[in-house]
Amino acid sequence: MKRLSGDMLTGIDVSNWQGTVNWSGHAEAGVAFAFAKASEGADYTDEWFARNWNGMRESWIVCGAYHFARPKGDPIEQARHFLGVIRSAGGLRRGDLIALDLETNDGLRPERVARYARRWCHHVERHCGVRPFIYTFNTFARRGHCAGLGEYPLWIASPESARGRPAVPRPWSDWTIHQYANTPLDRNIFHGSRKELTRLGFHPR
């Protein structure tokens, strides 16, 4: 991502592990964007997703949804399930973000994992016009699990790095979101403005 401005947005990401999230409190504390887990595999739905999705929206936080990848399963089936979960929670609106959480190989070889991810992303992009973020970490990517995904924005989990200075694994040349802390909550930054961030999200055709 080209650094188009000097702005820095802060964000968080959550799942069912957090339980009830005080979205208005986070918004007042300066959280500008967030991702909530929507689904995993082909049939798991995060029980808190709909509440999180609507809580983010009501608090004027840029909304993001992520799918936890299970590469051993069918990527198209999983992508359909993910998009269905979002529809059930109220659907996508202009500027909403989507991500694939790619951090387990399910015992498969890297090229199989990368092929799964490419097919999942292509399906999502074709059906809703959003280019997903890829959430991953350095050692996983460097083993080849993310081959061919360099066209998608990188959301890098690197809490060991200084805030805004993560190492960037191939096939990427730059990061877009940096998860720089994971206790007591996953915290992220985006180097850019709200307008630049929502430009990477959903835009009705």
N, C-alpha and C. Protein backbone atom coordinates (compact mmCIF):
# COMPACT_ATOMS: atom_id res chain seq x y z
N MET A 1 0.84 -1.20 0.00
CA MET A 1 0.00 0.00 0.00
C MET A 1 0.87 1.24 0.00
N LYS A 2 0.60 2.15 -0.90
CA LYS A 2 1.36 3.40 -0.92
C LYS A 2 0.98 4.25 0.28
N ARG A 3 1.96 4.86 0.88
CA ARG A 3 1.70 5.71 2.03
C ARG A 3 1.22 7.07 1.51
N LEU A 4 -0.10 7.23 1.46
CA LEU A 4 -0.67 8.41 0.85
C LEU A 4 -0.86 9.56 1.82
N SER A 5 -0.81 9.27 3.11
CA SER A 5 -0.99 10.35 4.09
C SER A 5 -0.19 10.03 5.33
N GLY A 6 -0.12 11.00 6.21
CA GLY A 6 0.59 10.79 7.46
C GLY A 6 -0.31 10.29 8.57
N ASP A 7 -1.57 10.02 8.23
CA ASP A 7 -2.52 9.57 9.25
C ASP A 7 -2.20 8.15 9.73
N MET A 8 -2.61 7.86 10.95
CA MET A 8 -2.47 6.52 11.51
C MET A 8 -3.76 6.19 12.24
N LEU A 9 -4.45 5.15 11.79
CA LEU A 9 -5.69 4.73 12.43
C LEU A 9 -5.42 3.55 13.35
N THR A 10 -6.11 3.52 14.48
CA THR A 10 -5.98 2.38 15.39
C THR A 10 -7.22 1.50 15.29
N GLY A 11 -7.00 0.20 15.45
CA GLY A 11 -8.10 -0.75 15.35
C GLY A 11 -7.91 -1.93 16.29
N ILE A 12 -8.95 -2.73 16.39
CA ILE A 12 -8.88 -3.96 17.20
C ILE A 12 -9.49 -5.09 16.39
N ASP A 13 -9.27 -6.33 16.82
CA ASP A 13 -10.00 -7.45 16.25
C ASP A 13 -10.46 -8.36 17.37
N VAL A 14 -11.65 -8.94 17.17
CA VAL A 14 -12.31 -9.70 18.23
C VAL A 14 -12.92 -10.99 17.66
N SER A 15 -13.23 -11.90 18.58
CA SER A 15 -13.98 -13.11 18.25
C SER A 15 -14.84 -13.45 19.46
N ASN A 16 -15.43 -14.64 19.43
CA ASN A 16 -16.28 -15.06 20.55
C ASN A 16 -15.52 -15.11 21.88
N TRP A 17 -14.19 -15.21 21.82
CA TRP A 17 -13.40 -15.26 23.05
C TRP A 17 -13.56 -14.00 23.90
N GLN A 18 -13.87 -12.88 23.25
CA GLN A 18 -14.01 -11.62 23.99
C GLN A 18 -15.39 -11.46 24.63
N GLY A 19 -16.37 -12.25 24.17
CA GLY A 19 -17.72 -12.08 24.70
C GLY A 19 -18.28 -10.72 24.32
N THR A 20 -18.96 -10.08 25.25
CA THR A 20 -19.56 -8.78 24.98
C THR A 20 -18.47 -7.71 24.83
N VAL A 21 -18.55 -6.97 23.73
CA VAL A 21 -17.57 -5.91 23.45
C VAL A 21 -18.26 -4.55 23.60
N ASN A 22 -17.63 -3.64 24.32
CA ASN A 22 -18.17 -2.29 24.51
C ASN A 22 -17.72 -1.43 23.32
N TRP A 23 -18.48 -1.50 22.24
CA TRP A 23 -18.06 -0.81 21.02
C TRP A 23 -18.08 0.71 21.17
N SER A 24 -19.08 1.23 21.84
CA SER A 24 -19.12 2.69 22.00
C SER A 24 -17.93 3.16 22.84
N GLY A 25 -17.53 2.37 23.83
CA GLY A 25 -16.37 2.71 24.64
C GLY A 25 -15.09 2.69 23.83
N HIS A 26 -14.95 1.69 22.95
CA HIS A 26 -13.77 1.64 22.08
C HIS A 26 -13.74 2.82 21.12
N ALA A 27 -14.91 3.17 20.58
CA ALA A 27 -14.97 4.31 19.66
C ALA A 27 -14.54 5.60 20.37
N GLU A 28 -15.03 5.78 21.59
CA GLU A 28 -14.67 6.98 22.36
C GLU A 28 -13.18 7.00 22.68
N ALA A 29 -12.57 5.80 22.79
CA ALA A 29 -11.13 5.71 23.10
C ALA A 29 -10.26 5.87 21.84
N GLY A 30 -10.90 6.05 20.69
CA GLY A 30 -10.13 6.32 19.47
C GLY A 30 -10.02 5.17 18.50
N VAL A 31 -10.69 4.05 18.76
CA VAL A 31 -10.66 2.93 17.80
C VAL A 31 -11.44 3.33 16.56
N ALA A 32 -10.78 3.26 15.40
CA ALA A 32 -11.39 3.72 14.15
C ALA A 32 -11.87 2.58 13.27
N PHE A 33 -11.28 1.40 13.43
CA PHE A 33 -11.70 0.25 12.62
C PHE A 33 -11.58 -1.02 13.45
N ALA A 34 -12.29 -2.06 13.01
CA ALA A 34 -12.23 -3.32 13.74
C ALA A 34 -12.61 -4.46 12.82
N PHE A 35 -12.10 -5.63 13.16
CA PHE A 35 -12.49 -6.87 12.48
C PHE A 35 -13.09 -7.80 13.52
N ALA A 36 -14.17 -8.47 13.16
CA ALA A 36 -14.78 -9.48 14.02
C ALA A 36 -14.81 -10.81 13.27
N LYS A 37 -14.54 -11.89 13.99
CA LYS A 37 -14.60 -13.21 13.37
C LYS A 37 -16.04 -13.51 13.00
N ALA A 38 -16.25 -13.94 11.76
CA ALA A 38 -17.58 -14.31 11.29
C ALA A 38 -17.75 -15.82 11.23
N SER A 39 -16.72 -16.51 10.73
CA SER A 39 -16.88 -17.93 10.45
C SER A 39 -15.55 -18.65 10.46
N GLU A 40 -15.65 -19.98 10.47
CA GLU A 40 -14.48 -20.85 10.40
C GLU A 40 -14.90 -22.11 9.65
N GLY A 41 -14.04 -22.55 8.73
CA GLY A 41 -14.40 -23.74 7.96
C GLY A 41 -15.68 -23.52 7.17
N ALA A 42 -16.42 -24.62 6.95
CA ALA A 42 -17.61 -24.56 6.11
C ALA A 42 -18.91 -24.48 6.88
N ASP A 43 -18.85 -24.61 8.23
CA ASP A 43 -20.12 -24.65 8.95
C ASP A 43 -20.12 -23.93 10.30
N TYR A 44 -18.98 -23.42 10.75
CA TYR A 44 -18.95 -22.74 12.05
C TYR A 44 -19.24 -21.26 11.87
N THR A 45 -20.17 -20.75 12.68
CA THR A 45 -20.49 -19.32 12.73
C THR A 45 -20.17 -18.81 14.12
N ASP A 46 -19.42 -17.73 14.21
CA ASP A 46 -19.12 -17.14 15.51
C ASP A 46 -20.41 -16.58 16.10
N GLU A 47 -20.75 -17.05 17.28
CA GLU A 47 -22.04 -16.68 17.88
C GLU A 47 -22.16 -15.21 18.21
N TRP A 48 -21.04 -14.51 18.32
CA TRP A 48 -21.06 -13.09 18.66
C TRP A 48 -20.97 -12.19 17.43
N PHE A 49 -20.85 -12.78 16.24
CA PHE A 49 -20.55 -11.95 15.08
C PHE A 49 -21.63 -10.91 14.80
N ALA A 50 -22.89 -11.32 14.76
CA ALA A 50 -23.96 -10.37 14.41
C ALA A 50 -23.98 -9.20 15.38
N ARG A 51 -23.81 -9.48 16.69
CA ARG A 51 -23.78 -8.40 17.68
C ARG A 51 -22.58 -7.49 17.47
N ASN A 52 -21.43 -8.10 17.18
CA ASN A 52 -20.23 -7.29 16.94
C ASN A 52 -20.37 -6.44 15.67
N TRP A 53 -20.88 -7.04 14.61
CA TRP A 53 -21.04 -6.36 13.33
C TRP A 53 -21.92 -5.13 13.48
N ASN A 54 -23.04 -5.31 14.17
CA ASN A 54 -23.97 -4.19 14.36
C ASN A 54 -23.45 -3.20 15.39
N GLY A 55 -22.71 -3.69 16.39
CA GLY A 55 -22.13 -2.79 17.38
C GLY A 55 -21.08 -1.87 16.78
N MET A 56 -20.26 -2.41 15.90
CA MET A 56 -19.27 -1.59 15.19
C MET A 56 -19.97 -0.52 14.36
N ARG A 57 -20.99 -0.95 13.63
CA ARG A 57 -21.67 -0.02 12.73
C ARG A 57 -22.34 1.11 13.51
N GLU A 58 -23.00 0.75 14.61
CA GLU A 58 -23.70 1.76 15.41
C GLU A 58 -22.73 2.77 16.04
N SER A 59 -21.46 2.33 16.22
CA SER A 59 -20.46 3.21 16.83
C SER A 59 -19.60 3.94 15.79
N TRP A 60 -19.96 3.84 14.52
CA TRP A 60 -19.25 4.51 13.43
C TRP A 60 -17.80 4.06 13.32
N ILE A 61 -17.58 2.79 13.66
CA ILE A 61 -16.27 2.17 13.46
C ILE A 61 -16.28 1.49 12.10
N VAL A 62 -15.20 1.61 11.33
CA VAL A 62 -15.13 0.92 10.04
C VAL A 62 -15.21 -0.59 10.31
N CYS A 63 -16.18 -1.24 9.68
CA CYS A 63 -16.49 -2.65 9.97
C CYS A 63 -15.66 -3.61 9.13
N GLY A 64 -15.08 -4.60 9.78
CA GLY A 64 -14.38 -5.66 9.09
C GLY A 64 -14.84 -7.02 9.57
N ALA A 65 -14.92 -7.99 8.67
CA ALA A 65 -15.29 -9.36 9.02
C ALA A 65 -14.19 -10.29 8.53
N TYR A 66 -13.86 -11.33 9.33
CA TYR A 66 -12.85 -12.27 8.87
C TYR A 66 -13.32 -13.71 8.98
N HIS A 67 -12.75 -14.52 8.10
CA HIS A 67 -13.00 -15.96 8.07
C HIS A 67 -11.73 -16.69 8.47
N PHE A 68 -11.83 -17.60 9.43
CA PHE A 68 -10.68 -18.41 9.83
C PHE A 68 -10.57 -19.59 8.87
N ALA A 69 -9.47 -19.60 8.10
CA ALA A 69 -9.30 -20.59 7.04
C ALA A 69 -9.04 -21.99 7.58
N ARG A 70 -9.70 -22.97 6.99
CA ARG A 70 -9.43 -24.39 7.22
C ARG A 70 -9.08 -24.99 5.86
N PRO A 71 -7.77 -24.94 5.50
CA PRO A 71 -7.36 -25.30 4.14
C PRO A 71 -7.68 -26.73 3.72
N LYS A 72 -7.94 -27.61 4.68
CA LYS A 72 -8.26 -28.99 4.32
C LYS A 72 -9.65 -29.08 3.70
N GLY A 73 -10.49 -28.07 3.94
CA GLY A 73 -11.85 -28.08 3.40
C GLY A 73 -11.94 -27.42 2.04
N ASP A 74 -13.16 -27.38 1.51
CA ASP A 74 -13.44 -26.80 0.19
C ASP A 74 -13.46 -25.28 0.31
N PRO A 75 -12.59 -24.57 -0.40
CA PRO A 75 -12.53 -23.11 -0.27
C PRO A 75 -13.79 -22.40 -0.75
N ILE A 76 -14.44 -22.95 -1.79
CA ILE A 76 -15.66 -22.31 -2.30
C ILE A 76 -16.79 -22.46 -1.30
N GLU A 77 -16.92 -23.64 -0.75
CA GLU A 77 -17.95 -23.88 0.28
C GLU A 77 -17.73 -22.96 1.47
N GLN A 78 -16.46 -22.79 1.87
CA GLN A 78 -16.16 -21.93 3.01
C GLN A 78 -16.43 -20.46 2.69
N ALA A 79 -16.10 -20.03 1.48
CA ALA A 79 -16.36 -18.65 1.08
C ALA A 79 -17.86 -18.36 1.05
N ARG A 80 -18.64 -19.31 0.55
CA ARG A 80 -20.10 -19.13 0.53
C ARG A 80 -20.66 -19.04 1.93
N HIS A 81 -20.14 -19.89 2.81
CA HIS A 81 -20.60 -19.87 4.20
C HIS A 81 -20.29 -18.50 4.83
N PHE A 82 -19.08 -18.02 4.64
CA PHE A 82 -18.65 -16.73 5.18
C PHE A 82 -19.55 -15.60 4.70
N LEU A 83 -19.79 -15.53 3.39
CA LEU A 83 -20.63 -14.46 2.84
C LEU A 83 -22.06 -14.58 3.33
N GLY A 84 -22.53 -15.82 3.54
CA GLY A 84 -23.87 -16.03 4.08
C GLY A 84 -24.00 -15.53 5.51
N VAL A 85 -22.95 -15.73 6.30
CA VAL A 85 -22.95 -15.24 7.69
C VAL A 85 -23.05 -13.71 7.71
N ILE A 86 -22.31 -13.06 6.83
CA ILE A 86 -22.37 -11.60 6.76
C ILE A 86 -23.77 -11.13 6.33
N ARG A 87 -24.34 -11.80 5.33
CA ARG A 87 -25.69 -11.45 4.88
C ARG A 87 -26.69 -11.56 6.02
N SER A 88 -26.58 -12.64 6.79
CA SER A 88 -27.51 -12.86 7.91
C SER A 88 -27.39 -11.80 8.99
N ALA A 89 -26.21 -11.18 9.08
CA ALA A 89 -25.99 -10.15 10.11
C ALA A 89 -26.34 -8.75 9.61
N GLY A 90 -26.83 -8.64 8.38
CA GLY A 90 -27.22 -7.33 7.86
C GLY A 90 -26.53 -6.96 6.57
N GLY A 91 -25.53 -7.75 6.16
CA GLY A 91 -24.89 -7.53 4.87
C GLY A 91 -23.79 -6.49 4.88
N LEU A 92 -23.21 -6.32 3.71
CA LEU A 92 -22.12 -5.37 3.52
C LEU A 92 -22.64 -3.99 3.13
N ARG A 93 -21.98 -2.97 3.64
CA ARG A 93 -22.24 -1.59 3.24
C ARG A 93 -20.95 -0.98 2.72
N ARG A 94 -21.07 0.15 2.08
CA ARG A 94 -19.92 0.82 1.47
C ARG A 94 -18.78 0.98 2.48
N GLY A 95 -17.59 0.53 2.08
CA GLY A 95 -16.40 0.68 2.91
C GLY A 95 -16.12 -0.47 3.86
N ASP A 96 -17.05 -1.43 3.99
CA ASP A 96 -16.80 -2.57 4.87
C ASP A 96 -15.64 -3.42 4.36
N LEU A 97 -14.88 -3.99 5.30
CA LEU A 97 -13.67 -4.73 4.99
C LEU A 97 -13.87 -6.24 5.19
N ILE A 98 -13.08 -7.01 4.46
CA ILE A 98 -13.14 -8.47 4.54
C ILE A 98 -11.71 -9.00 4.66
N ALA A 99 -11.54 -10.09 5.43
CA ALA A 99 -10.21 -10.67 5.58
C ALA A 99 -10.28 -12.19 5.68
N LEU A 100 -9.21 -12.82 5.21
CA LEU A 100 -9.01 -14.25 5.38
C LEU A 100 -7.90 -14.45 6.40
N ASP A 101 -8.22 -15.13 7.49
CA ASP A 101 -7.26 -15.43 8.56
C ASP A 101 -6.54 -16.73 8.17
N LEU A 102 -5.33 -16.58 7.67
CA LEU A 102 -4.57 -17.71 7.14
C LEU A 102 -3.38 -17.98 8.06
N GLU A 103 -3.58 -18.87 9.02
CA GLU A 103 -2.52 -19.12 9.99
C GLU A 103 -2.36 -20.59 10.37
N THR A 104 -3.15 -21.48 9.76
CA THR A 104 -2.96 -22.90 10.01
C THR A 104 -2.95 -23.64 8.68
N ASN A 105 -2.13 -24.69 8.60
CA ASN A 105 -2.07 -25.43 7.33
C ASN A 105 -2.88 -26.72 7.36
N ASP A 106 -3.48 -27.05 8.50
CA ASP A 106 -4.26 -28.29 8.63
C ASP A 106 -3.46 -29.52 8.20
N GLY A 107 -2.13 -29.44 8.34
CA GLY A 107 -1.29 -30.58 7.98
C GLY A 107 -1.01 -30.72 6.49
N LEU A 108 -1.40 -29.72 5.70
CA LEU A 108 -1.19 -29.78 4.24
C LEU A 108 0.12 -29.11 3.85
N ARG A 109 0.59 -29.45 2.65
CA ARG A 109 1.79 -28.82 2.12
C ARG A 109 1.50 -27.36 1.76
N PRO A 110 2.52 -26.49 1.81
CA PRO A 110 2.30 -25.06 1.56
C PRO A 110 1.58 -24.74 0.25
N GLU A 111 1.91 -25.47 -0.82
CA GLU A 111 1.27 -25.15 -2.10
C GLU A 111 -0.23 -25.44 -2.08
N ARG A 112 -0.65 -26.43 -1.31
CA ARG A 112 -2.08 -26.74 -1.17
C ARG A 112 -2.78 -25.64 -0.39
N VAL A 113 -2.12 -25.15 0.65
CA VAL A 113 -2.69 -24.08 1.47
C VAL A 113 -2.84 -22.81 0.63
N ALA A 114 -1.80 -22.48 -0.12
CA ALA A 114 -1.83 -21.28 -0.96
C ALA A 114 -2.91 -21.39 -2.04
N ARG A 115 -3.07 -22.57 -2.62
CA ARG A 115 -4.11 -22.76 -3.64
C ARG A 115 -5.50 -22.58 -3.04
N TYR A 116 -5.70 -23.15 -1.84
CA TYR A 116 -6.96 -22.95 -1.12
C TYR A 116 -7.23 -21.45 -0.95
N ALA A 117 -6.24 -20.70 -0.46
CA ALA A 117 -6.42 -19.28 -0.18
C ALA A 117 -6.73 -18.48 -1.45
N ARG A 118 -6.04 -18.80 -2.53
CA ARG A 118 -6.29 -18.09 -3.79
C ARG A 118 -7.72 -18.33 -4.27
N ARG A 119 -8.18 -19.57 -4.17
CA ARG A 119 -9.54 -19.89 -4.63
C ARG A 119 -10.58 -19.22 -3.73
N TRP A 120 -10.35 -19.20 -2.42
CA TRP A 120 -11.28 -18.53 -1.51
C TRP A 120 -11.36 -17.04 -1.85
N CYS A 121 -10.22 -16.42 -2.01
CA CYS A 121 -10.18 -14.98 -2.31
C CYS A 121 -10.85 -14.66 -3.64
N HIS A 122 -10.57 -15.48 -4.65
CA HIS A 122 -11.16 -15.23 -5.97
C HIS A 122 -12.68 -15.32 -5.91
N HIS A 123 -13.20 -16.29 -5.17
CA HIS A 123 -14.65 -16.43 -5.06
C HIS A 123 -15.26 -15.20 -4.38
N VAL A 124 -14.67 -14.79 -3.27
CA VAL A 124 -15.18 -13.62 -2.55
C VAL A 124 -15.12 -12.37 -3.42
N GLU A 125 -14.00 -12.20 -4.07
CA GLU A 125 -13.83 -11.00 -4.91
C GLU A 125 -14.82 -10.99 -6.07
N ARG A 126 -15.05 -12.16 -6.66
CA ARG A 126 -15.97 -12.26 -7.79
C ARG A 126 -17.42 -11.99 -7.38
N HIS A 127 -17.78 -12.43 -6.16
CA HIS A 127 -19.18 -12.35 -5.76
C HIS A 127 -19.55 -11.07 -5.01
N CYS A 128 -18.58 -10.36 -4.46
CA CYS A 128 -18.97 -9.10 -3.79
C CYS A 128 -18.04 -7.94 -4.11
N GLY A 129 -17.07 -8.17 -4.98
CA GLY A 129 -16.25 -7.07 -5.45
C GLY A 129 -15.26 -6.51 -4.44
N VAL A 130 -14.99 -7.26 -3.37
CA VAL A 130 -14.05 -6.81 -2.34
C VAL A 130 -12.78 -7.66 -2.42
N ARG A 131 -11.65 -6.99 -2.41
CA ARG A 131 -10.37 -7.71 -2.36
C ARG A 131 -10.03 -7.98 -0.90
N PRO A 132 -10.03 -9.24 -0.46
CA PRO A 132 -9.81 -9.52 0.96
C PRO A 132 -8.40 -9.18 1.42
N PHE A 133 -8.29 -8.78 2.68
CA PHE A 133 -7.00 -8.72 3.35
C PHE A 133 -6.57 -10.15 3.65
N ILE A 134 -5.27 -10.37 3.70
CA ILE A 134 -4.74 -11.65 4.16
C ILE A 134 -4.08 -11.42 5.51
N TYR A 135 -4.66 -12.04 6.54
CA TYR A 135 -4.07 -11.98 7.88
C TYR A 135 -3.17 -13.20 8.04
N THR A 136 -1.90 -12.97 8.33
CA THR A 136 -0.97 -14.07 8.52
C THR A 136 0.21 -13.58 9.34
N PHE A 137 1.18 -14.46 9.56
CA PHE A 137 2.39 -14.07 10.29
C PHE A 137 3.62 -14.51 9.51
N ASN A 138 4.76 -13.97 9.89
CA ASN A 138 5.97 -14.10 9.07
C ASN A 138 6.40 -15.54 8.81
N THR A 139 6.55 -16.34 9.85
CA THR A 139 7.07 -17.70 9.61
C THR A 139 6.13 -18.52 8.73
N PHE A 140 4.83 -18.32 8.89
CA PHE A 140 3.85 -19.06 8.08
C PHE A 140 3.98 -18.66 6.61
N ALA A 141 4.06 -17.36 6.35
CA ALA A 141 4.17 -16.88 4.98
C ALA A 141 5.49 -17.30 4.34
N ARG A 142 6.56 -17.25 5.12
CA ARG A 142 7.87 -17.56 4.55
C ARG A 142 8.02 -19.03 4.17
N ARG A 143 7.16 -19.88 4.70
CA ARG A 143 7.20 -21.30 4.32
C ARG A 143 6.46 -21.57 3.02
N GLY A 144 5.89 -20.53 2.41
CA GLY A 144 5.25 -20.68 1.11
C GLY A 144 3.74 -20.79 1.15
N HIS A 145 3.13 -20.65 2.32
CA HIS A 145 1.68 -20.82 2.43
C HIS A 145 0.88 -19.69 1.78
N CYS A 146 1.55 -18.60 1.43
CA CYS A 146 0.85 -17.43 0.88
C CYS A 146 1.25 -17.15 -0.57
N ALA A 147 1.82 -18.13 -1.24
CA ALA A 147 2.27 -17.94 -2.62
C ALA A 147 1.11 -17.48 -3.51
N GLY A 148 1.38 -16.45 -4.31
CA GLY A 148 0.38 -15.96 -5.24
C GLY A 148 -0.63 -14.99 -4.64
N LEU A 149 -0.42 -14.60 -3.39
CA LEU A 149 -1.39 -13.72 -2.72
C LEU A 149 -0.90 -12.28 -2.61
N GLY A 150 0.19 -11.95 -3.28
CA GLY A 150 0.79 -10.63 -3.16
C GLY A 150 -0.09 -9.48 -3.63
N GLU A 151 -1.12 -9.78 -4.44
CA GLU A 151 -2.02 -8.72 -4.91
C GLU A 151 -3.03 -8.30 -3.85
N TYR A 152 -3.13 -9.09 -2.78
CA TYR A 152 -4.08 -8.78 -1.71
C TYR A 152 -3.38 -8.02 -0.59
N PRO A 153 -4.08 -7.08 0.05
CA PRO A 153 -3.43 -6.30 1.12
C PRO A 153 -3.05 -7.19 2.30
N LEU A 154 -1.88 -6.94 2.85
CA LEU A 154 -1.34 -7.74 3.95
C LEU A 154 -1.72 -7.16 5.30
N TRP A 155 -2.31 -8.01 6.12
CA TRP A 155 -2.58 -7.71 7.54
C TRP A 155 -1.64 -8.62 8.32
N ILE A 156 -0.53 -8.07 8.78
CA ILE A 156 0.53 -8.88 9.35
C ILE A 156 0.46 -8.91 10.88
N ALA A 157 0.44 -10.12 11.43
CA ALA A 157 0.49 -10.30 12.88
C ALA A 157 1.96 -10.34 13.29
N SER A 158 2.40 -9.29 13.95
CA SER A 158 3.80 -9.21 14.34
C SER A 158 3.94 -8.41 15.64
N PRO A 159 3.45 -8.98 16.76
CA PRO A 159 3.51 -8.27 18.03
C PRO A 159 4.93 -8.09 18.56
N GLU A 160 5.87 -8.86 18.00
CA GLU A 160 7.26 -8.73 18.44
C GLU A 160 7.95 -7.52 17.80
N SER A 161 7.32 -6.92 16.79
CA SER A 161 7.90 -5.77 16.09
C SER A 161 7.44 -4.46 16.71
N ALA A 162 8.24 -3.43 16.51
CA ALA A 162 7.83 -2.09 16.94
C ALA A 162 6.57 -1.70 16.17
N ARG A 163 5.72 -0.95 16.83
CA ARG A 163 4.45 -0.54 16.23
C ARG A 163 4.68 0.19 14.91
N GLY A 164 4.10 -0.38 13.84
CA GLY A 164 4.24 0.22 12.52
C GLY A 164 5.53 -0.13 11.80
N ARG A 165 6.30 -1.08 12.37
CA ARG A 165 7.56 -1.47 11.73
C ARG A 165 7.72 -2.99 11.65
N PRO A 166 6.70 -3.68 11.14
CA PRO A 166 6.83 -5.14 11.05
C PRO A 166 7.70 -5.56 9.87
N ALA A 167 8.35 -6.71 10.01
CA ALA A 167 9.03 -7.30 8.85
C ALA A 167 7.94 -7.77 7.88
N VAL A 168 8.20 -7.64 6.59
CA VAL A 168 7.21 -7.98 5.57
C VAL A 168 7.69 -9.22 4.80
N PRO A 169 6.94 -10.32 4.87
CA PRO A 169 7.36 -11.54 4.17
C PRO A 169 6.93 -11.51 2.70
N ARG A 170 7.65 -12.24 1.88
CA ARG A 170 7.20 -12.43 0.50
C ARG A 170 5.92 -13.25 0.52
N PRO A 171 4.99 -13.04 -0.43
CA PRO A 171 5.15 -12.31 -1.69
C PRO A 171 4.84 -10.81 -1.61
N TRP A 172 4.72 -10.25 -0.41
CA TRP A 172 4.39 -8.83 -0.28
C TRP A 172 5.65 -7.98 -0.23
N SER A 173 5.49 -6.72 -0.61
CA SER A 173 6.59 -5.77 -0.49
C SER A 173 6.28 -4.71 0.56
N ASP A 174 5.04 -4.71 1.07
CA ASP A 174 4.65 -3.72 2.07
C ASP A 174 3.48 -4.27 2.88
N TRP A 175 3.27 -3.71 4.06
CA TRP A 175 2.14 -4.10 4.89
C TRP A 175 1.04 -3.06 4.77
N THR A 176 -0.19 -3.46 5.08
CA THR A 176 -1.32 -2.54 5.07
C THR A 176 -1.87 -2.35 6.47
N ILE A 177 -2.04 -3.45 7.22
CA ILE A 177 -2.42 -3.37 8.63
C ILE A 177 -1.39 -4.16 9.43
N HIS A 178 -0.98 -3.60 10.56
CA HIS A 178 -0.04 -4.28 11.45
C HIS A 178 -0.73 -4.57 12.77
N GLN A 179 -0.85 -5.86 13.10
CA GLN A 179 -1.31 -6.24 14.44
C GLN A 179 -0.08 -6.23 15.33
N TYR A 180 0.01 -5.21 16.16
CA TYR A 180 1.25 -4.97 16.90
C TYR A 180 1.17 -5.41 18.37
N ALA A 181 -0.02 -5.78 18.84
CA ALA A 181 -0.18 -6.25 20.22
C ALA A 181 -1.31 -7.25 20.28
N ASN A 182 -1.20 -8.22 21.19
CA ASN A 182 -2.28 -9.20 21.32
C ASN A 182 -2.69 -9.45 22.77
N THR A 183 -2.24 -8.61 23.67
CA THR A 183 -2.70 -8.70 25.05
C THR A 183 -2.93 -7.29 25.61
N PRO A 184 -4.00 -7.05 26.34
CA PRO A 184 -5.09 -8.00 26.60
C PRO A 184 -6.06 -8.11 25.44
N LEU A 185 -5.84 -7.34 24.39
CA LEU A 185 -6.70 -7.32 23.21
C LEU A 185 -5.82 -7.19 21.98
N ASP A 186 -6.26 -7.78 20.86
CA ASP A 186 -5.52 -7.63 19.62
C ASP A 186 -5.65 -6.19 19.13
N ARG A 187 -4.50 -5.53 18.95
CA ARG A 187 -4.51 -4.14 18.53
C ARG A 187 -3.77 -3.98 17.19
N ASN A 188 -4.31 -3.11 16.34
CA ASN A 188 -3.82 -2.96 14.97
C ASN A 188 -3.67 -1.49 14.62
N ILE A 189 -2.84 -1.24 13.62
CA ILE A 189 -2.77 0.11 13.04
C ILE A 189 -2.82 0.03 11.53
N PHE A 190 -3.39 1.06 10.95
CA PHE A 190 -3.42 1.26 9.50
C PHE A 190 -2.78 2.59 9.23
N HIS A 191 -1.76 2.60 8.37
CA HIS A 191 -1.05 3.84 8.07
C HIS A 191 -1.76 4.53 6.92
N GLY A 192 -2.71 5.37 7.26
CA GLY A 192 -3.50 6.08 6.25
C GLY A 192 -4.74 6.66 6.90
N SER A 193 -5.58 7.27 6.09
CA SER A 193 -6.79 7.92 6.59
C SER A 193 -7.98 6.95 6.54
N ARG A 194 -9.07 7.35 7.16
CA ARG A 194 -10.29 6.54 7.10
C ARG A 194 -10.75 6.38 5.64
N LYS A 195 -10.64 7.44 4.87
CA LYS A 195 -11.03 7.37 3.46
C LYS A 195 -10.17 6.37 2.70
N GLU A 196 -8.88 6.37 2.99
CA GLU A 196 -7.97 5.43 2.31
C GLU A 196 -8.27 3.99 2.73
N LEU A 197 -8.65 3.80 4.00
CA LEU A 197 -8.98 2.45 4.45
C LEU A 197 -10.27 1.95 3.82
N THR A 198 -11.32 2.78 3.84
CA THR A 198 -12.60 2.32 3.29
C THR A 198 -12.53 2.15 1.77
N ARG A 199 -11.56 2.78 1.14
CA ARG A 199 -11.37 2.58 -0.30
C ARG A 199 -10.99 1.12 -0.60
N LEU A 200 -10.43 0.43 0.41
CA LEU A 200 -10.05 -0.97 0.26
C LEU A 200 -11.21 -1.91 0.55
N GLY A 201 -12.37 -1.33 0.88
CA GLY A 201 -13.52 -2.14 1.26
C GLY A 201 -14.56 -2.28 0.16
N PHE A 202 -15.76 -2.64 0.59
CA PHE A 202 -16.87 -2.91 -0.31
C PHE A 202 -17.41 -1.64 -0.95
N HIS A 203 -17.69 -1.73 -2.25
CA HIS A 203 -18.32 -0.61 -2.95
C HIS A 203 -19.40 -1.19 -3.86
N PRO A 204 -20.65 -0.84 -3.58
CA PRO A 204 -21.76 -1.41 -4.36
C PRO A 204 -21.57 -1.16 -5.85
N ARG A 205 -21.92 -2.19 -6.60
CA ARG A 205 -21.77 -2.07 -8.06
C ARG A 205 -22.94 -1.34 -8.66
